[in-house]
Amino acid sequence: MTLEDPYFVVRNEVQGAIGEAQQSYRRWQELYANKTTQGGQEYEWLKSKLLNSLKSIDWDLEDLSETIGVVESNPSKFRLTAQEIDERKNFIHGCKDAVKTIKDHLGSAEVRTKEEAVTRSRLVGQQAKAKGKAKGSKYAKLDNELEAGNEQYIDDHQQQQQMEVAQQDVQLEMVGQSMSVLKNLGQEMNTELQVQNQMLDEFVGEIDQTQSRLDWTLLRLGKVMRLTTDRRQLCIVFALLAMIVVIVFLFAFTL
């Protein structure tokens, strides 16, 4: 029995995921460079999608690194040279660098500062419009309440964003734990299959040995049977000779 190289199971998926992430990242950069689209609905959705995709790619790269460890532990079964293993390691390192570049940019202090500035600028603009409508009004108290309400809205909006980010982190952590459980289960199944494979190889070897012994026993039995047959034929010849001698003797005696 031969083991299938697990490296190719994950590699194509990682390549496709990184390609999609880089495409989304380029679109996010376009939105980030444009002040009118920065912080908008598409911008926020695309950033959240990118972060989730990068987290998933990190998990796949961890699995891919473990497959290389499996191959290195028993290279004779997978028939890989040291150069091929190094190429696989270089592929993983390149993917990790690409993911790190995107993550560092998304989470940089510069990006956070600009996002906060855009959010505050929009809310302050809304507040200024409200003040313009209330200008010249006799209801100064209502104007003050409106200003206080806008400031409260800004604080609430920032808190809501922080809560959403925290919830996403918790969800990602739960998904990561589930993936870890599945990965451990897969490793246990792989270990069990390897043990059963070894037992099957030993059983096949014992069958071959038993077959060889059986063939040898049948060969010896054939020889014994041939020897027995030859002895019987010799006894029959002696018996016939004895009968001829007796007949000759009786014939001579009667004369």
C-alpha atoms as a PDB file:
ATOM      1  CA  MET A   1       0.000   0.000   0.000  1.00  0.00           C
ATOM      2  CA  THR A   2       1.212   3.553  -0.748  1.00  0.00           C
ATOM      3  CA  LEU A   3       0.419   6.793   1.008  1.00  0.00           C
ATOM      4  CA  GLU A   4      -0.891   9.767  -0.959  1.00  0.00           C
ATOM      5  CA  ASP A   5       1.270  12.884  -0.639  1.00  0.00           C
ATOM      6  CA  PRO A   6      -0.873  15.261   1.496  1.00  0.00           C
ATOM      7  CA  TYR A   7       0.943  18.374   0.234  1.00  0.00           C
ATOM      8  CA  PHE A   8      -1.068  18.643  -2.978  1.00  0.00           C
ATOM      9  CA  VAL A   9      -4.385  18.455  -1.106  1.00  0.00           C
ATOM     10  CA  VAL A  10      -3.871  21.908   0.411  1.00  0.00           C
ATOM     11  CA  ARG A  11      -1.492  23.700  -1.993  1.00  0.00           C
ATOM     12  CA  ASN A  12      -4.013  24.507  -4.750  1.00  0.00           C
ATOM     13  CA  GLU A  13      -6.555  25.794  -2.233  1.00  0.00           C
ATOM     14  CA  VAL A  14      -3.950  28.090  -0.672  1.00  0.00           C
ATOM     15  CA  GLN A  15      -2.894  29.439  -4.064  1.00  0.00           C
ATOM     16  CA  GLY A  16      -6.496  30.202  -5.014  1.00  0.00           C
ATOM     17  CA  ALA A  17      -7.248  31.852  -1.658  1.00  0.00           C
ATOM     18  CA  ILE A  18      -4.147  34.054  -1.851  1.00  0.00           C
ATOM     19  CA  GLY A  19      -5.043  35.093  -5.404  1.00  0.00           C
ATOM     20  CA  GLU A  20      -8.531  36.156  -4.299  1.00  0.00           C
ATOM     21  CA  ALA A  21      -7.119  37.956  -1.245  1.00  0.00           C
ATOM     22  CA  GLN A  22      -4.633  39.916  -3.364  1.00  0.00           C
ATOM     23  CA  GLN A  23      -7.403  40.917  -5.759  1.00  0.00           C
ATOM     24  CA  SER A  24      -9.575  42.123  -2.869  1.00  0.00           C
ATOM     25  CA  TYR A  25      -6.558  43.888  -1.392  1.00  0.00           C
ATOM     26  CA  ARG A  26      -5.992  45.854  -4.609  1.00  0.00           C
ATOM     27  CA  ARG A  27      -9.637  46.918  -4.596  1.00  0.00           C
ATOM     28  CA  TRP A  28      -9.353  47.910  -0.930  1.00  0.00           C
ATOM     29  CA  GLN A  29      -6.294  50.060  -1.759  1.00  0.00           C
ATOM     30  CA  GLU A  30      -8.321  51.874  -4.417  1.00  0.00           C
ATOM     31  CA  LEU A  31     -11.078  52.613  -1.913  1.00  0.00           C
ATOM     32  CA  TYR A  32      -8.538  53.613   0.727  1.00  0.00           C
ATOM     33  CA  ALA A  33      -6.842  56.098  -1.622  1.00  0.00           C
ATOM     34  CA  ASN A  34     -10.157  57.802  -2.425  1.00  0.00           C
ATOM     35  CA  LYS A  35     -11.432  60.034   0.373  1.00  0.00           C
ATOM     36  CA  THR A  36     -15.005  59.769  -0.859  1.00  0.00           C
ATOM     37  CA  THR A  37     -15.040  55.966  -0.622  1.00  0.00           C
ATOM     38  CA  GLN A  38     -12.752  55.547   2.393  1.00  0.00           C
ATOM     39  CA  GLY A  39     -14.754  54.317   5.351  1.00  0.00           C
ATOM     40  CA  GLY A  40     -17.806  53.602   3.211  1.00  0.00           C
ATOM     41  CA  GLN A  41     -19.946  50.478   3.228  1.00  0.00           C
ATOM     42  CA  GLU A  42     -17.951  48.672   0.522  1.00  0.00           C
ATOM     43  CA  TYR A  43     -14.723  49.682   2.221  1.00  0.00           C
ATOM     44  CA  GLU A  44     -15.736  48.233   5.595  1.00  0.00           C
ATOM     45  CA  TRP A  45     -17.189  45.065   4.046  1.00  0.00           C
ATOM     46  CA  LEU A  46     -14.080  44.471   1.943  1.00  0.00           C
ATOM     47  CA  LYS A  47     -11.748  44.982   4.880  1.00  0.00           C
ATOM     48  CA  SER A  48     -13.705  42.527   7.046  1.00  0.00           C
ATOM     49  CA  LYS A  49     -13.711  39.986   4.226  1.00  0.00           C
ATOM     50  CA  LEU A  50      -9.954  40.372   3.785  1.00  0.00           C
ATOM     51  CA  LEU A  51      -9.220  39.838   7.475  1.00  0.00           C
ATOM     52  CA  ASN A  52     -11.335  36.674   7.591  1.00  0.00           C
ATOM     53  CA  SER A  53      -9.723  35.326   4.400  1.00  0.00           C
ATOM     54  CA  LEU A  54      -6.220  35.986   5.703  1.00  0.00           C
ATOM     55  CA  LYS A  55      -7.047  34.187   8.957  1.00  0.00           C
ATOM     56  CA  SER A  56      -8.260  31.153   7.012  1.00  0.00           C
ATOM     57  CA  ILE A  57      -5.121  31.193   4.845  1.00  0.00           C
ATOM     58  CA  ASP A  58      -2.962  31.203   7.994  1.00  0.00           C
ATOM     59  CA  TRP A  59      -4.684  28.020   9.173  1.00  0.00           C
ATOM     60  CA  ASP A  60      -4.182  26.375   5.762  1.00  0.00           C
ATOM     61  CA  LEU A  61      -0.494  27.306   5.796  1.00  0.00           C
ATOM     62  CA  GLU A  62      -0.130  25.715   9.234  1.00  0.00           C
ATOM     63  CA  ASP A  63      -1.657  22.507   7.855  1.00  0.00           C
ATOM     64  CA  LEU A  64       0.657  22.713   4.846  1.00  0.00           C
ATOM     65  CA  SER A  65       3.683  23.057   7.106  1.00  0.00           C
ATOM     66  CA  GLU A  66       2.577  19.940   8.989  1.00  0.00           C
ATOM     67  CA  THR A  67       2.315  17.970   5.724  1.00  0.00           C
ATOM     68  CA  ILE A  68       5.952  18.811   5.023  1.00  0.00           C
ATOM     69  CA  GLY A  69       6.807  17.512   8.468  1.00  0.00           C
ATOM     70  CA  VAL A  70       5.006  14.261   7.630  1.00  0.00           C
ATOM     71  CA  VAL A  71       6.970  13.928   4.392  1.00  0.00           C
ATOM     72  CA  GLU A  72      10.294  14.731   6.092  1.00  0.00           C
ATOM     73  CA  SER A  73       9.659  12.080   8.749  1.00  0.00           C
ATOM     74  CA  ASN A  74       9.407   9.347   6.098  1.00  0.00           C
ATOM     75  CA  PRO A  75      10.775  10.599   2.729  1.00  0.00           C
ATOM     76  CA  SER A  76      11.244   7.093   1.323  1.00  0.00           C
ATOM     77  CA  LYS A  77       7.485   6.511   1.141  1.00  0.00           C
ATOM     78  CA  PHE A  78       6.870   9.789  -0.685  1.00  0.00           C
ATOM     79  CA  ARG A  79      10.021   9.603  -2.823  1.00  0.00           C
ATOM     80  CA  LEU A  80      10.969  13.247  -2.383  1.00  0.00           C
ATOM     81  CA  THR A  81      14.437  14.735  -2.612  1.00  0.00           C
ATOM     82  CA  ALA A  82      15.805  17.379  -0.268  1.00  0.00           C
ATOM     83  CA  GLN A  83      15.538  19.936  -3.084  1.00  0.00           C
ATOM     84  CA  GLU A  84      11.816  19.255  -3.548  1.00  0.00           C
ATOM     85  CA  ILE A  85      11.209  19.628   0.186  1.00  0.00           C
ATOM     86  CA  ASP A  86      13.092  22.944   0.186  1.00  0.00           C
ATOM     87  CA  GLU A  87      10.952  24.166  -2.724  1.00  0.00           C
ATOM     88  CA  ARG A  88       7.811  23.408  -0.725  1.00  0.00           C
ATOM     89  CA  LYS A  89       9.181  25.261   2.288  1.00  0.00           C
ATOM     90  CA  ASN A  90      10.008  28.263   0.098  1.00  0.00           C
ATOM     91  CA  PHE A  91       6.443  28.241  -1.259  1.00  0.00           C
ATOM     92  CA  ILE A  92       5.034  28.369   2.275  1.00  0.00           C
ATOM     93  CA  HIS A  93       7.419  31.154   3.294  1.00  0.00           C
ATOM     94  CA  GLY A  94       6.414  33.176   0.233  1.00  0.00           C
ATOM     95  CA  CYS A  95       2.723  32.756   1.020  1.00  0.00           C
ATOM     96  CA  LYS A  96       3.262  33.776   4.644  1.00  0.00           C
ATOM     97  CA  ASP A  97       5.143  36.895   3.543  1.00  0.00           C
ATOM     98  CA  ALA A  98       2.312  37.860   1.149  1.00  0.00           C
ATOM     99  CA  VAL A  99      -0.290  37.408   3.908  1.00  0.00           C
ATOM    100  CA  LYS A 100       1.819  39.346   6.421  1.00  0.00           C
ATOM    101  CA  THR A 101       2.213  42.283   4.023  1.00  0.00           C
ATOM    102  CA  ILE A 102      -1.547  42.652   3.640  1.00  0.00           C
ATOM    103  CA  LYS A 103      -2.274  42.168   7.352  1.00  0.00           C
ATOM    104  CA  ASP A 104       0.373  44.697   8.390  1.00  0.00           C
ATOM    105  CA  HIS A 105      -1.088  47.306   6.052  1.00  0.00           C
ATOM    106  CA  LEU A 106      -4.687  46.705   7.133  1.00  0.00           C
ATOM    107  CA  GLY A 107      -3.792  46.923  10.805  1.00  0.00           C
ATOM    108  CA  SER A 108      -1.213  49.719  10.584  1.00  0.00           C
ATOM    109  CA  ALA A 109      -1.499  52.793  12.786  1.00  0.00           C
ATOM    110  CA  GLU A 110      -1.697  54.994   9.697  1.00  0.00           C
ATOM    111  CA  VAL A 111      -4.784  53.204   8.415  1.00  0.00           C
ATOM    112  CA  ARG A 112      -6.500  53.278  11.823  1.00  0.00           C
ATOM    113  CA  THR A 113      -5.776  56.984  12.188  1.00  0.00           C
ATOM    114  CA  LYS A 114      -7.201  57.815   8.776  1.00  0.00           C
ATOM    115  CA  GLU A 115     -10.279  55.672   9.356  1.00  0.00           C
ATOM    116  CA  GLU A 116     -10.979  57.396  12.662  1.00  0.00           C
ATOM    117  CA  ALA A 117     -10.424  60.794  11.044  1.00  0.00           C
ATOM    118  CA  VAL A 118     -12.829  59.971   8.211  1.00  0.00           C
ATOM    119  CA  THR A 119     -15.488  58.749  10.627  1.00  0.00           C
ATOM    120  CA  ARG A 120     -15.154  61.793  12.843  1.00  0.00           C
ATOM    121  CA  SER A 121     -15.126  64.134   9.842  1.00  0.00           C
ATOM    122  CA  ARG A 122     -18.386  62.699   8.520  1.00  0.00           C
ATOM    123  CA  LEU A 123     -20.076  62.883  11.882  1.00  0.00           C
ATOM    124  CA  VAL A 124     -18.820  66.424  12.455  1.00  0.00           C
ATOM    125  CA  GLY A 125     -20.120  67.355   8.992  1.00  0.00           C
ATOM    126  CA  GLN A 126     -23.526  66.049   9.942  1.00  0.00           C
ATOM    127  CA  GLN A 127     -23.307  68.034  13.130  1.00  0.00           C
ATOM    128  CA  ALA A 128     -22.376  71.214  11.204  1.00  0.00           C
ATOM    129  CA  LYS A 129     -25.359  70.765   8.922  1.00  0.00           C
ATOM    130  CA  ALA A 130     -27.613  70.426  11.925  1.00  0.00           C
ATOM    131  CA  LYS A 131     -26.115  73.593  13.392  1.00  0.00           C
ATOM    132  CA  GLY A 132     -26.688  75.468  10.141  1.00  0.00           C
ATOM    133  CA  LYS A 133     -30.326  74.585  10.188  1.00  0.00           C
ATOM    134  CA  ALA A 134     -30.628  75.633  13.782  1.00  0.00           C
ATOM    135  CA  LYS A 135     -28.735  78.921  13.313  1.00  0.00           C
ATOM    136  CA  GLY A 136     -30.792  81.972  14.075  1.00  0.00           C
ATOM    137  CA  SER A 137     -33.324  79.861  15.828  1.00  0.00           C
ATOM    138  CA  LYS A 138     -34.724  80.965  19.093  1.00  0.00           C
ATOM    139  CA  TYR A 139     -34.393  77.437  20.422  1.00  0.00           C
ATOM    140  CA  ALA A 140     -30.779  77.564  21.620  1.00  0.00           C
ATOM    141  CA  LYS A 141     -31.458  74.842  24.117  1.00  0.00           C
ATOM    142  CA  LEU A 142     -32.554  72.505  21.348  1.00  0.00           C
ATOM    143  CA  ASP A 143     -29.358  73.351  19.444  1.00  0.00           C
ATOM    144  CA  ASN A 144     -27.233  72.422  22.443  1.00  0.00           C
ATOM    145  CA  GLU A 145     -29.124  69.187  22.910  1.00  0.00           C
ATOM    146  CA  LEU A 146     -28.608  68.373  19.237  1.00  0.00           C
ATOM    147  CA  GLU A 147     -24.880  69.010  19.544  1.00  0.00           C
ATOM    148  CA  ALA A 148     -24.673  66.822  22.631  1.00  0.00           C
ATOM    149  CA  GLY A 149     -26.652  64.139  20.821  1.00  0.00           C
ATOM    150  CA  ASN A 150     -24.246  64.189  17.875  1.00  0.00           C
ATOM    151  CA  GLU A 151     -21.265  63.856  20.176  1.00  0.00           C
ATOM    152  CA  GLN A 152     -22.976  60.967  21.898  1.00  0.00           C
ATOM    153  CA  TYR A 153     -23.658  59.425  18.498  1.00  0.00           C
ATOM    154  CA  ILE A 154     -19.961  59.648  17.623  1.00  0.00           C
ATOM    155  CA  ASP A 155     -18.997  57.903  20.847  1.00  0.00           C
ATOM    156  CA  ASP A 156     -21.693  55.262  20.409  1.00  0.00           C
ATOM    157  CA  HIS A 157     -20.603  54.645  16.828  1.00  0.00           C
ATOM    158  CA  GLN A 158     -16.983  54.130  17.855  1.00  0.00           C
ATOM    159  CA  GLN A 159     -18.019  51.814  20.692  1.00  0.00           C
ATOM    160  CA  GLN A 160     -20.226  49.838  18.319  1.00  0.00           C
ATOM    161  CA  GLN A 161     -17.321  49.405  15.904  1.00  0.00           C
ATOM    162  CA  GLN A 162     -15.104  48.198  18.726  1.00  0.00           C
ATOM    163  CA  MET A 163     -17.772  45.731  19.851  1.00  0.00           C
ATOM    164  CA  GLU A 164     -18.189  44.401  16.302  1.00  0.00           C
ATOM    165  CA  VAL A 165     -14.427  43.923  15.983  1.00  0.00           C
ATOM    166  CA  ALA A 166     -14.362  42.129  19.341  1.00  0.00           C
ATOM    167  CA  GLN A 167     -17.243  39.864  18.280  1.00  0.00           C
ATOM    168  CA  GLN A 168     -15.458  39.034  15.029  1.00  0.00           C
ATOM    169  CA  ASP A 169     -12.323  38.157  17.000  1.00  0.00           C
ATOM    170  CA  VAL A 170     -14.352  35.844  19.254  1.00  0.00           C
ATOM    171  CA  GLN A 171     -16.003  34.176  16.257  1.00  0.00           C
ATOM    172  CA  LEU A 172     -12.667  33.718  14.532  1.00  0.00           C
ATOM    173  CA  GLU A 173     -11.222  32.244  17.721  1.00  0.00           C
ATOM    174  CA  MET A 174     -14.121  29.774  17.932  1.00  0.00           C
ATOM    175  CA  VAL A 175     -13.641  28.797  14.301  1.00  0.00           C
ATOM    176  CA  GLY A 176      -9.927  28.391  14.971  1.00  0.00           C
ATOM    177  CA  GLN A 177     -10.627  26.082  17.899  1.00  0.00           C
ATOM    178  CA  SER A 178     -12.985  23.993  15.751  1.00  0.00           C
ATOM    179  CA  MET A 179     -10.372  23.771  13.023  1.00  0.00           C
ATOM    180  CA  SER A 180      -7.805  22.712  15.614  1.00  0.00           C
ATOM    181  CA  VAL A 181     -10.104  19.924  16.833  1.00  0.00           C
ATOM    182  CA  LEU A 182     -10.689  18.732  13.266  1.00  0.00           C
ATOM    183  CA  LYS A 183      -6.971  18.868  12.563  1.00  0.00           C
ATOM    184  CA  ASN A 184      -6.161  16.777  15.648  1.00  0.00           C
ATOM    185  CA  LEU A 185      -8.855  14.296  14.646  1.00  0.00           C
ATOM    186  CA  GLY A 186      -7.372  14.057  11.176  1.00  0.00           C
ATOM    187  CA  GLN A 187      -3.912  13.467  12.636  1.00  0.00           C
ATOM    188  CA  GLU A 188      -5.247  10.669  14.860  1.00  0.00           C
ATOM    189  CA  MET A 189      -6.995   9.070  11.872  1.00  0.00           C
ATOM    190  CA  ASN A 190      -3.792   9.333   9.850  1.00  0.00           C
ATOM    191  CA  THR A 191      -1.790   7.701  12.641  1.00  0.00           C
ATOM    192  CA  GLU A 192      -4.354   4.906  12.937  1.00  0.00           C
ATOM    193  CA  LEU A 193      -4.260   4.314   9.173  1.00  0.00           C
ATOM    194  CA  GLN A 194      -0.474   4.120   9.233  1.00  0.00           C
ATOM    195  CA  VAL A 195      -0.591   1.564  12.080  1.00  0.00           C
ATOM    196  CA  GLN A 196      -3.186  -0.508  10.228  1.00  0.00           C
ATOM    197  CA  ASN A 197      -1.124  -0.243   7.046  1.00  0.00           C
ATOM    198  CA  GLN A 198       1.924  -1.577   8.883  1.00  0.00           C
ATOM    199  CA  MET A 199      -0.111  -4.426  10.387  1.00  0.00           C
ATOM    200  CA  LEU A 200      -1.449  -5.292   6.941  1.00  0.00           C
ATOM    201  CA  ASP A 201       2.065  -5.350   5.504  1.00  0.00           C
ATOM    202  CA  GLU A 202       3.170  -7.697   8.303  1.00  0.00           C
ATOM    203  CA  PHE A 203       0.134  -9.915   7.689  1.00  0.00           C
ATOM    204  CA  VAL A 204       0.903 -10.100   3.967  1.00  0.00           C
ATOM    205  CA  GLY A 205       4.509 -11.052   4.829  1.00  0.00           C
ATOM    206  CA  GLU A 206       3.302 -13.852   7.109  1.00  0.00           C
ATOM    207  CA  ILE A 207       1.011 -15.124   4.348  1.00  0.00           C
ATOM    208  CA  ASP A 208       3.947 -15.218   1.931  1.00  0.00           C
ATOM    209  CA  GLN A 209       6.039 -17.161   4.447  1.00  0.00           C
ATOM    210  CA  THR A 210       3.179 -19.604   5.063  1.00  0.00           C
ATOM    211  CA  GLN A 211       2.712 -20.091   1.313  1.00  0.00           C
ATOM    212  CA  SER A 212       6.425 -20.831   0.897  1.00  0.00           C
ATOM    213  CA  ARG A 213       6.326 -23.403   3.710  1.00  0.00           C
ATOM    214  CA  LEU A 214       3.222 -24.991   2.210  1.00  0.00           C
ATOM    215  CA  ASP A 215       4.881 -25.289  -1.201  1.00  0.00           C
ATOM    216  CA  TRP A 216       7.941 -26.885   0.381  1.00  0.00           C
ATOM    217  CA  THR A 217       5.749 -29.345   2.320  1.00  0.00           C
ATOM    218  CA  LEU A 218       3.848 -30.326  -0.830  1.00  0.00           C
ATOM    219  CA  LEU A 219       7.139 -30.890  -2.660  1.00  0.00           C
ATOM    220  CA  ARG A 220       8.427 -33.199   0.094  1.00  0.00           C
ATOM    221  CA  LEU A 221       5.115 -35.035   0.148  1.00  0.00           C
ATOM    222  CA  GLY A 222       5.347 -35.628  -3.611  1.00  0.00           C
ATOM    223  CA  LYS A 223       8.801 -37.090  -3.229  1.00  0.00           C
ATOM    224  CA  VAL A 224       7.645 -39.431  -0.465  1.00  0.00           C
ATOM    225  CA  MET A 225       4.704 -40.585  -2.561  1.00  0.00           C
ATOM    226  CA  ARG A 226       6.987 -41.318  -5.499  1.00  0.00           C
ATOM    227  CA  LEU A 227       9.325 -43.303  -3.258  1.00  0.00           C
ATOM    228  CA  THR A 228       6.409 -45.305  -1.882  1.00  0.00           C
ATOM    229  CA  THR A 229       5.154 -46.084  -5.374  1.00  0.00           C
ATOM    230  CA  ASP A 230       8.608 -47.298  -6.460  1.00  0.00           C
ATOM    231  CA  ARG A 231       8.828 -49.653  -3.465  1.00  0.00           C
ATOM    232  CA  ARG A 232       5.431 -51.158  -4.220  1.00  0.00           C
ATOM    233  CA  GLN A 233       6.455 -51.814  -7.797  1.00  0.00           C
ATOM    234  CA  LEU A 234       9.657 -53.493  -6.588  1.00  0.00           C
ATOM    235  CA  CYS A 235       7.689 -55.722  -4.204  1.00  0.00           C
ATOM    236  CA  ILE A 236       5.341 -56.750  -7.020  1.00  0.00           C
ATOM    237  CA  VAL A 237       8.322 -57.669  -9.225  1.00  0.00           C
ATOM    238  CA  PHE A 238       9.840 -59.809  -6.460  1.00  0.00           C
ATOM    239  CA  ALA A 239       6.491 -61.496  -5.861  1.00  0.00           C
ATOM    240  CA  LEU A 240       6.124 -62.356  -9.578  1.00  0.00           C
ATOM    241  CA  LEU A 241       9.658 -63.703  -9.680  1.00  0.00           C
ATOM    242  CA  ALA A 242       8.941 -65.850  -6.651  1.00  0.00           C
ATOM    243  CA  MET A 243       5.780 -67.201  -8.296  1.00  0.00           C
ATOM    244  CA  ILE A 244       7.691 -68.039 -11.481  1.00  0.00           C
ATOM    245  CA  VAL A 245      10.342 -69.876  -9.483  1.00  0.00           C
ATOM    246  CA  VAL A 246       7.670 -71.854  -7.657  1.00  0.00           C
ATOM    247  CA  ILE A 247       5.883 -72.761 -10.905  1.00  0.00           C
ATOM    248  CA  VAL A 248       9.138 -73.839 -12.528  1.00  0.00           C
ATOM    249  CA  PHE A 249       9.993 -75.900  -9.475  1.00  0.00           C
ATOM    250  CA  LEU A 250       6.604 -77.630  -9.440  1.00  0.00           C
ATOM    251  CA  PHE A 251       6.756 -78.279 -13.158  1.00  0.00           C
ATOM    252  CA  ALA A 252      10.196 -79.835 -12.814  1.00  0.00           C
ATOM    253  CA  PHE A 253       9.122 -81.892  -9.830  1.00  0.00           C
ATOM    254  CA  THR A 254       6.137 -83.355 -11.676  1.00  0.00           C
ATOM    255  CA  LEU A 255       8.380 -84.557 -14.456  1.00  0.00           C
END
